[in-house]
Amino acid sequence: MNSRSVRFTGTQGAELAARLDLPARTPRAYALFAHCFTCSKDTRAAAYISQALAGRGIAVLRFDFTGLGASAGEFAQTNFSSNVGDLLAAAAYLREHHRAAQILVGHSLGGAAVLAAAGQAPEQLSEVRAVATLGAPFDPAHVSRLISAGRTEIESKGEAEVNIGGRPFRIRRQFLDDLDRQDPEKNLASLRKALLVFHSPRDTIVGIDNAAKIFMAAKHPKSFVSLDDADHLLTRAEDAAYAAEVLAAWASRYLEPESAAEPVPGVRVVEALEGKFAQHIDAGRHRLRADEPASAGGDDTGPSPYDLLLASLGACTAMTLRLYAERKKLPLERVAVDLTHDKIHATDCAECETQDGRIDRIERVITLEGPLNEEQRARLLEIADKCPVHRTLHSEVWIPTRLARD
């Protein structure tokens, strides 16, 4: 997976910070993730879910709402409606620079925002097929409970500084007024998208009754998944990972099936046209990706050519040892091969024929697991040099090259 920082303009004109998590291959679809109230795009839930979706071929754009995280703008000037506007701006960015979002995911108030956006702006989110919420309130006004201590001052003076999650935020009267104007039942009635509701029955911030109200107000297709004893922010890694895996599997149901490409003879490498060096690799019916690290001018969306070379040698080594161990009935339980590549001065290699310039040095460290005796381990080390890829690297290689005809 490749994760890159991007920026776009929000609904109030401020520059919003975002992160685009991309799968190793061409994305099957794009999703938008809206974070919880006063949170950021970098919460554990946001990161786990984005990475799980990317692992299943779905790219995810997660962003900071205006005035939060690394985004510009003043939080006190924002409200629920501006959050919905930021979400639509993010959707417009994806449509313009990549592909239109087909999945919306929202955590807590972000969940209420994706429901509102999908219900209020169907024409701007016409490509969206599925919406998922995690610990979302049925009514956005539910969030006003978090600022109840300062509500009197807000109503009398027009604004007040309140403490939310241990951090101070300035809230103005317009924020509360905007919450009161929302119509969640109308938004849910006009959703017209597949809906998945995640909620924990032990959520002490947003009660489980909110999930029931969302579920009852929405039309089919709709699903509910209990997060059991998870907390509201999904701070435990296992809870966030579970939600991510279920969401990724569920979302795939509502996307067009991936086209099964015809297997290619040999290997085909084609530029991905994403970044400077990214390449799509088809090996038979298998799809891979190659790129260069950022230090070499790439986007690090896949292993480098030398990484792939080392992987080939390592895989061949492990397979050869496994084949030999089975034939000789050796108690080999598992093989691991660690490889590194360097360019060294030829004079530093006493065993090499070349003595001028620089040569390639590949160090291979083999770990053998199992109750093997020293003689067996020594023999397996010898067999490692008989792997076909190892032999190819040591033999004369002829690479005829020609231009393809149209």
Protein backbone atom coordinates (compact mmCIF):
# COMPACT_ATOMS: atom_id res chain seq x y z
CA MET A 1 0.00 0.00 0.00
CA ASN A 2 1.10 3.54 -0.74
CA SER A 3 -0.03 6.45 1.41
CA ARG A 4 0.49 9.97 0.11
CA SER A 5 -0.37 13.43 1.45
CA VAL A 6 -2.66 15.60 -0.68
CA ARG A 7 -4.42 18.94 -0.24
CA PHE A 8 -7.59 20.45 -1.65
CA THR A 9 -9.82 23.44 -0.98
CA GLY A 10 -12.69 23.01 1.48
CA THR A 11 -16.15 24.52 1.37
CA GLN A 12 -15.03 27.67 3.23
CA GLY A 13 -11.99 28.24 1.03
CA ALA A 14 -9.42 26.86 3.48
CA GLU A 15 -6.80 24.37 2.33
CA LEU A 16 -7.61 20.94 3.76
CA ALA A 17 -5.01 18.30 4.56
CA ALA A 18 -5.74 14.78 3.41
CA ARG A 19 -4.12 11.38 3.01
CA LEU A 20 -4.79 9.11 0.05
CA ASP A 21 -4.21 5.42 0.79
CA LEU A 22 -3.70 3.54 -2.47
CA PRO A 23 -3.58 -0.20 -3.11
CA ALA A 24 -0.56 -1.77 -4.76
CA ARG A 25 -2.45 -2.19 -8.03
CA THR A 26 -4.83 0.05 -9.95
CA PRO A 27 -7.67 0.89 -7.50
CA ARG A 28 -10.86 -1.08 -7.97
CA ALA A 29 -12.80 1.83 -6.48
CA TYR A 30 -12.36 4.96 -4.32
CA ALA A 31 -13.80 5.66 -0.87
CA LEU A 32 -14.08 8.74 1.36
CA PHE A 33 -13.56 8.60 5.14
CA ALA A 34 -14.98 11.28 7.49
CA HIS A 35 -13.47 11.36 10.99
CA CYS A 36 -15.15 11.84 14.35
CA PHE A 37 -16.01 15.19 16.05
CA THR A 38 -12.84 17.25 16.79
CA CYS A 39 -10.70 14.25 15.73
CA SER A 40 -8.45 13.99 12.67
CA LYS A 41 -7.77 11.78 9.68
CA ASP A 42 -4.98 10.05 11.62
CA THR A 43 -7.05 8.32 14.31
CA ARG A 44 -6.54 4.59 14.74
CA ALA A 45 -9.97 3.81 13.31
CA ALA A 46 -9.34 5.96 10.23
CA ALA A 47 -5.91 4.46 9.60
CA TYR A 48 -6.92 0.81 10.08
CA ILE A 49 -10.04 1.06 7.95
CA SER A 50 -8.27 2.93 5.15
CA GLN A 51 -5.43 0.43 5.09
CA ALA A 52 -7.79 -2.57 5.12
CA LEU A 53 -9.77 -1.19 2.20
CA ALA A 54 -6.54 -0.43 0.32
CA GLY A 55 -5.49 -4.02 0.93
CA ARG A 56 -8.63 -5.12 -0.92
CA GLY A 57 -7.97 -2.85 -3.86
CA ILE A 58 -10.04 0.15 -2.70
CA ALA A 59 -8.29 3.54 -2.45
CA VAL A 60 -9.35 5.75 0.48
CA LEU A 61 -9.17 9.53 0.88
CA ARG A 62 -9.29 10.57 4.55
CA PHE A 63 -9.10 14.26 5.35
CA ASP A 64 -9.18 16.78 8.19
CA PHE A 65 -12.26 18.97 8.33
CA THR A 66 -11.72 22.75 8.28
CA GLY A 67 -9.89 23.95 11.40
CA LEU A 68 -8.92 20.45 12.58
CA GLY A 69 -5.78 18.33 12.32
CA ALA A 70 -3.43 19.75 9.71
CA SER A 71 -6.16 21.59 7.79
CA ALA A 72 -6.28 25.38 7.63
CA GLY A 73 -9.25 27.51 8.69
CA GLU A 74 -10.84 28.43 11.98
CA PHE A 75 -12.80 25.72 13.80
CA ALA A 76 -15.07 28.29 15.47
CA GLN A 77 -16.35 29.31 12.02
CA THR A 78 -17.37 25.75 11.13
CA ASN A 79 -20.51 23.74 11.79
CA PHE A 80 -22.14 20.49 10.73
CA SER A 81 -23.22 21.94 7.38
CA SER A 82 -19.66 23.07 6.61
CA ASN A 83 -18.47 19.53 7.44
CA VAL A 84 -20.92 18.19 4.87
CA GLY A 85 -19.59 20.80 2.44
CA ASP A 86 -15.99 19.70 3.10
CA LEU A 87 -17.06 16.11 2.39
CA LEU A 88 -18.55 17.16 -0.94
CA ALA A 89 -15.36 19.11 -1.73
CA ALA A 90 -13.36 15.94 -1.05
CA ALA A 91 -15.66 14.02 -3.39
CA ALA A 92 -15.12 16.67 -6.07
CA TYR A 93 -11.34 16.40 -5.62
CA LEU A 94 -11.46 12.63 -6.13
CA ARG A 95 -13.65 12.96 -9.20
CA GLU A 96 -11.36 15.56 -10.75
CA HIS A 97 -7.99 14.01 -9.96
CA HIS A 98 -8.72 10.28 -9.72
CA ARG A 99 -12.18 8.66 -9.90
CA ALA A 100 -15.51 9.40 -8.25
CA ALA A 101 -16.00 7.88 -4.81
CA GLN A 102 -18.22 4.80 -4.65
CA ILE A 103 -18.04 4.28 -0.87
CA LEU A 104 -18.58 6.72 2.02
CA VAL A 105 -17.39 5.87 5.54
CA GLY A 106 -18.01 8.05 8.60
CA HIS A 107 -16.98 7.70 12.25
CA SER A 108 -19.18 9.25 14.97
CA LEU A 109 -20.27 12.74 13.78
CA GLY A 110 -18.46 11.93 10.55
CA GLY A 111 -20.99 9.12 10.16
CA ALA A 112 -23.84 11.58 10.50
CA ALA A 113 -22.06 13.77 7.93
CA VAL A 114 -21.82 11.03 5.29
CA LEU A 115 -25.50 10.17 5.81
CA ALA A 116 -26.44 13.83 5.41
CA ALA A 117 -24.22 14.33 2.37
CA ALA A 118 -25.58 11.25 0.59
CA GLY A 119 -29.17 12.26 1.39
CA GLN A 120 -28.85 15.99 0.62
CA ALA A 121 -26.63 15.91 -2.47
CA PRO A 122 -27.48 12.78 -4.47
CA GLU A 123 -26.42 14.43 -7.74
CA GLN A 124 -22.93 15.23 -6.37
CA LEU A 125 -22.53 11.71 -5.02
CA SER A 126 -24.35 9.86 -7.78
CA GLU A 127 -21.57 7.28 -8.12
CA VAL A 128 -21.69 6.32 -4.42
CA ARG A 129 -23.06 2.81 -3.97
CA ALA A 130 -22.45 2.11 -0.29
CA VAL A 131 -22.36 4.08 2.98
CA ALA A 132 -21.00 2.83 6.32
CA THR A 133 -21.16 4.46 9.75
CA LEU A 134 -19.24 3.66 12.95
CA GLY A 135 -20.69 4.80 16.28
CA ALA A 136 -22.69 7.50 14.52
CA PRO A 137 -25.43 9.54 16.24
CA PHE A 138 -28.87 9.43 14.64
CA ASP A 139 -29.28 13.19 15.09
CA PRO A 140 -26.19 15.42 14.62
CA ALA A 141 -27.55 17.56 17.49
CA HIS A 142 -26.44 14.71 19.79
CA VAL A 143 -22.97 16.26 19.76
CA SER A 144 -24.28 19.28 21.67
CA ARG A 145 -24.19 17.09 24.79
CA LEU A 146 -20.41 17.24 24.66
CA ILE A 147 -20.51 21.00 25.11
CA SER A 148 -23.38 21.18 27.61
CA ALA A 149 -21.08 22.75 30.23
CA GLY A 150 -20.61 25.82 28.06
CA ARG A 151 -24.02 25.98 26.45
CA THR A 152 -25.37 28.69 28.76
CA GLU A 153 -22.39 30.93 28.03
CA ILE A 154 -22.64 30.21 24.29
CA GLU A 155 -26.32 31.18 24.24
CA SER A 156 -25.82 34.31 26.33
CA LYS A 157 -22.52 35.60 24.92
CA GLY A 158 -22.65 34.06 21.46
CA GLU A 159 -19.54 31.91 21.95
CA ALA A 160 -17.49 30.11 24.60
CA GLU A 161 -14.39 27.98 24.96
CA VAL A 162 -15.28 24.40 25.89
CA ASN A 163 -13.18 21.36 26.72
CA ILE A 164 -13.67 18.38 24.41
CA GLY A 165 -11.52 15.30 24.91
CA GLY A 166 -9.03 17.26 26.99
CA ARG A 167 -8.57 20.00 24.36
CA PRO A 168 -10.04 23.51 24.25
CA PHE A 169 -12.30 24.47 21.32
CA ARG A 170 -14.16 27.71 20.70
CA ILE A 171 -17.83 27.08 19.89
CA ARG A 172 -20.19 29.75 18.59
CA ARG A 173 -23.96 30.04 18.65
CA GLN A 174 -24.22 29.38 14.92
CA PHE A 175 -22.78 25.88 15.51
CA LEU A 176 -25.68 24.93 17.81
CA ASP A 177 -28.26 26.60 15.58
CA ASP A 178 -26.99 24.65 12.59
CA LEU A 179 -27.26 21.36 14.48
CA ASP A 180 -30.87 22.13 15.37
CA ARG A 181 -31.75 22.68 11.71
CA GLN A 182 -30.70 19.19 10.61
CA ASP A 183 -33.34 16.64 9.54
CA PRO A 184 -31.78 13.15 9.87
CA GLU A 185 -35.00 11.25 9.10
CA LYS A 186 -35.35 13.05 5.78
CA ASN A 187 -31.72 12.38 4.89
CA LEU A 188 -32.04 8.68 5.68
CA ALA A 189 -35.31 8.35 3.79
CA SER A 190 -33.65 9.69 0.65
CA LEU A 191 -30.36 7.81 1.07
CA ARG A 192 -30.91 5.29 -1.77
CA LYS A 193 -27.57 3.59 -1.01
CA ALA A 194 -26.59 0.33 0.64
CA LEU A 195 -26.01 1.04 4.35
CA LEU A 196 -23.87 -0.69 6.97
CA VAL A 197 -24.21 0.44 10.61
CA PHE A 198 -21.42 -0.42 13.06
CA HIS A 199 -22.06 0.27 16.74
CA SER A 200 -20.94 -0.97 20.13
CA PRO A 201 -23.65 -1.76 22.72
CA ARG A 202 -21.22 -0.42 25.32
CA ASP A 203 -20.61 2.91 23.61
CA THR A 204 -20.86 5.50 26.40
CA ILE A 205 -20.51 8.51 24.07
CA VAL A 206 -23.17 7.65 21.49
CA GLY A 207 -25.67 5.11 22.81
CA ILE A 208 -26.66 1.99 20.89
CA ASP A 209 -30.19 3.39 20.51
CA ASN A 210 -28.78 5.72 17.85
CA ALA A 211 -27.85 2.73 15.70
CA ALA A 212 -31.40 1.38 16.06
CA LYS A 213 -32.88 4.71 14.94
CA ILE A 214 -30.57 4.92 11.93
CA PHE A 215 -31.33 1.35 10.95
CA MET A 216 -35.11 1.74 11.25
CA ALA A 217 -35.20 5.04 9.34
CA ALA A 218 -33.13 3.73 6.42
CA LYS A 219 -34.47 1.67 3.55
CA HIS A 220 -33.02 -1.61 2.33
CA PRO A 221 -30.39 -2.78 1.59
CA LYS A 222 -29.12 -2.21 5.13
CA SER A 223 -27.02 -4.19 7.59
CA PHE A 224 -25.97 -3.92 11.23
CA VAL A 225 -22.77 -5.20 12.86
CA SER A 226 -22.23 -5.11 16.61
CA LEU A 227 -18.77 -4.08 17.78
CA ASP A 228 -19.41 -5.83 21.11
CA ASP A 229 -17.27 -4.27 23.87
CA ALA A 230 -15.41 -1.74 21.71
CA ASP A 231 -15.22 1.84 22.93
CA HIS A 232 -16.54 4.79 20.92
CA LEU A 233 -13.19 5.74 19.37
CA LEU A 234 -12.16 2.14 18.58
CA THR A 235 -8.92 2.73 20.45
CA ARG A 236 -8.13 -0.99 20.73
CA ALA A 237 -6.29 -2.22 17.67
CA GLU A 238 -8.30 -5.45 17.46
CA ASP A 239 -11.62 -3.57 17.40
CA ALA A 240 -10.52 -1.21 14.63
CA ALA A 241 -9.04 -4.11 12.65
CA TYR A 242 -12.24 -6.16 12.96
CA ALA A 243 -14.42 -3.28 11.77
CA ALA A 244 -12.03 -2.66 8.91
CA GLU A 245 -12.05 -6.24 7.66
CA VAL A 246 -15.85 -6.55 7.85
CA LEU A 247 -16.30 -3.22 6.09
CA ALA A 248 -13.86 -4.15 3.33
CA ALA A 249 -15.63 -7.45 2.67
CA TRP A 250 -19.10 -5.85 2.79
CA ALA A 251 -18.18 -2.96 0.48
CA SER A 252 -16.86 -5.36 -2.15
CA ARG A 253 -20.38 -6.76 -2.51
CA TYR A 254 -21.65 -3.48 -3.97
CA LEU A 255 -18.85 -2.85 -6.44
CA GLU A 256 -18.60 -4.09 -9.97
CA PRO A 257 -16.68 -7.37 -10.06
CA GLU A 258 -13.07 -7.04 -11.05
CA SER A 259 -12.58 -8.05 -14.63
CA ALA A 260 -10.59 -11.23 -14.96
CA ALA A 261 -7.73 -10.38 -17.27
CA GLU A 262 -6.52 -13.00 -19.71
CA PRO A 263 -3.26 -14.56 -18.51
CA VAL A 264 -0.28 -13.18 -20.40
CA PRO A 265 2.56 -15.38 -21.66
CA GLY A 266 5.69 -14.65 -19.65
CA VAL A 267 5.70 -11.28 -17.91
CA ARG A 268 4.28 -7.96 -19.12
CA VAL A 269 5.28 -4.62 -17.57
CA VAL A 270 3.28 -1.48 -18.41
CA GLU A 271 3.61 2.02 -17.01
CA ALA A 272 0.84 2.76 -14.52
CA LEU A 273 0.80 6.47 -15.52
CA GLU A 274 0.53 7.28 -11.80
CA GLY A 275 3.56 9.15 -10.57
CA LYS A 276 6.95 9.02 -12.26
CA PHE A 277 8.02 5.37 -12.07
CA ALA A 278 5.03 3.20 -11.07
CA GLN A 279 4.57 0.05 -13.18
CA HIS A 280 1.86 -2.59 -13.50
CA ILE A 281 3.22 -6.12 -13.78
CA ASP A 282 1.25 -9.08 -15.13
CA ALA A 283 2.87 -12.45 -14.56
CA GLY A 284 0.55 -15.09 -15.96
CA ARG A 285 -2.71 -14.40 -14.14
CA HIS A 286 -0.99 -12.63 -11.23
CA ARG A 287 -0.80 -8.85 -10.88
CA LEU A 288 2.06 -7.01 -9.18
CA ARG A 289 3.31 -3.46 -8.92
CA ALA A 290 6.75 -1.87 -9.07
CA ASP A 291 7.97 1.63 -8.23
CA GLU A 292 10.94 3.46 -6.80
CA PRO A 293 11.19 4.81 -3.25
CA ALA A 294 10.64 8.51 -2.64
CA SER A 295 14.40 8.96 -2.21
CA ALA A 296 14.82 7.94 -5.88
CA GLY A 297 11.98 10.14 -7.15
CA GLY A 298 9.20 7.55 -7.01
CA ASP A 299 6.05 7.27 -4.93
CA ASP A 300 6.96 3.97 -3.20
CA THR A 301 3.72 2.27 -4.36
CA GLY A 302 5.49 -1.04 -4.86
CA PRO A 303 8.84 -2.79 -4.56
CA SER A 304 11.74 -1.49 -6.61
CA PRO A 305 13.20 -3.54 -9.50
CA TYR A 306 16.07 -4.68 -7.28
CA ASP A 307 13.62 -5.60 -4.51
CA LEU A 308 11.79 -7.80 -7.00
CA LEU A 309 15.10 -9.37 -8.05
CA LEU A 310 15.93 -10.19 -4.43
CA ALA A 311 12.41 -11.53 -3.90
CA SER A 312 12.85 -13.84 -6.87
CA LEU A 313 16.12 -15.21 -5.52
CA GLY A 314 14.71 -15.56 -2.00
CA ALA A 315 11.56 -17.36 -3.15
CA CYS A 316 13.54 -19.69 -5.40
CA THR A 317 15.96 -20.47 -2.55
CA ALA A 318 13.16 -21.35 -0.12
CA MET A 319 11.34 -23.48 -2.70
CA THR A 320 14.52 -25.37 -3.60
CA LEU A 321 15.27 -26.13 0.06
CA ARG A 322 11.70 -27.27 0.63
CA LEU A 323 11.81 -29.59 -2.36
CA TYR A 324 15.13 -31.11 -1.24
CA ALA A 325 13.98 -31.51 2.38
CA GLU A 326 10.83 -33.36 1.32
CA ARG A 327 12.78 -35.62 -1.02
CA LYS A 328 15.32 -36.50 1.69
CA LYS A 329 12.66 -36.53 4.47
CA LEU A 330 14.52 -33.93 6.52
CA PRO A 331 12.71 -32.41 9.56
CA LEU A 332 12.69 -28.91 8.03
CA GLU A 333 9.73 -26.99 9.41
CA ARG A 334 10.19 -23.56 7.86
CA VAL A 335 12.59 -21.53 5.74
CA ALA A 336 13.15 -17.77 5.84
CA VAL A 337 15.51 -15.92 3.52
CA ASP A 338 16.73 -12.35 4.13
CA LEU A 339 18.49 -10.60 1.27
CA THR A 340 20.24 -7.26 0.77
CA HIS A 341 21.83 -5.71 -2.31
CA ASP A 342 24.81 -3.36 -2.47
CA LYS A 343 27.33 -2.04 -4.97
CA ILE A 344 30.86 -2.60 -3.72
CA HIS A 345 34.36 -2.06 -5.04
CA ALA A 346 35.58 -5.15 -6.88
CA THR A 347 38.83 -5.05 -4.93
CA ASP A 348 36.83 -5.73 -1.75
CA CYS A 349 35.85 -9.17 -3.08
CA ALA A 350 38.77 -11.57 -2.88
CA GLU A 351 36.74 -14.39 -4.46
CA CYS A 352 35.57 -12.39 -7.51
CA GLU A 353 37.21 -12.59 -10.95
CA THR A 354 36.48 -8.92 -11.65
CA GLN A 355 39.02 -6.67 -9.96
CA ASP A 356 38.19 -3.28 -11.51
CA GLY A 357 35.29 -0.92 -10.85
CA ARG A 358 32.28 -1.88 -8.79
CA ILE A 359 30.29 -5.12 -8.61
CA ASP A 360 26.90 -6.17 -7.26
CA ARG A 361 26.88 -7.90 -3.89
CA ILE A 362 23.78 -9.81 -2.77
CA GLU A 363 23.95 -11.09 0.79
CA ARG A 364 21.62 -13.99 1.55
CA VAL A 365 20.93 -15.07 5.14
CA ILE A 366 18.94 -18.31 5.48
CA THR A 367 17.06 -19.27 8.63
CA LEU A 368 16.17 -22.96 8.96
CA GLU A 369 13.58 -23.99 11.54
CA GLY A 370 13.19 -27.55 12.78
CA PRO A 371 15.19 -30.24 14.64
CA LEU A 372 17.98 -30.43 12.05
CA ASN A 373 21.47 -31.65 12.95
CA GLU A 374 24.60 -29.79 11.87
CA GLU A 375 25.26 -32.09 8.92
CA GLN A 376 21.72 -31.55 7.58
CA ARG A 377 21.97 -27.80 8.01
CA ALA A 378 25.31 -27.70 6.18
CA ARG A 379 23.88 -29.75 3.31
CA LEU A 380 20.88 -27.45 2.98
CA LEU A 381 23.23 -24.47 2.81
CA GLU A 382 24.99 -26.15 -0.13
CA ILE A 383 21.65 -26.87 -1.84
CA ALA A 384 20.71 -23.18 -1.62
CA ASP A 385 23.33 -22.43 -4.29
CA LYS A 386 21.60 -24.88 -6.64
CA CYS A 387 18.39 -22.87 -6.85
CA PRO A 388 17.65 -22.09 -10.55
CA VAL A 389 17.56 -18.31 -10.06
CA HIS A 390 20.90 -18.43 -8.25
CA ARG A 391 22.37 -20.37 -11.15
CA THR A 392 20.92 -17.88 -13.65
CA LEU A 393 22.54 -14.97 -11.81
CA HIS A 394 25.90 -16.76 -11.97
CA SER A 395 25.65 -17.84 -15.60
CA GLU A 396 25.98 -15.95 -18.86
CA VAL A 397 22.59 -14.38 -19.69
CA TRP A 398 21.55 -13.39 -23.23
CA ILE A 399 18.77 -10.78 -23.46
CA PRO A 400 17.78 -10.13 -27.08
CA THR A 401 15.66 -6.95 -27.27
CA ARG A 402 13.51 -5.62 -30.10
CA LEU A 403 10.69 -3.13 -30.66
CA ALA A 404 7.16 -4.52 -30.82
CA ARG A 405 5.35 -4.21 -34.13
CA ASP A 406 1.96 -2.39 -34.20
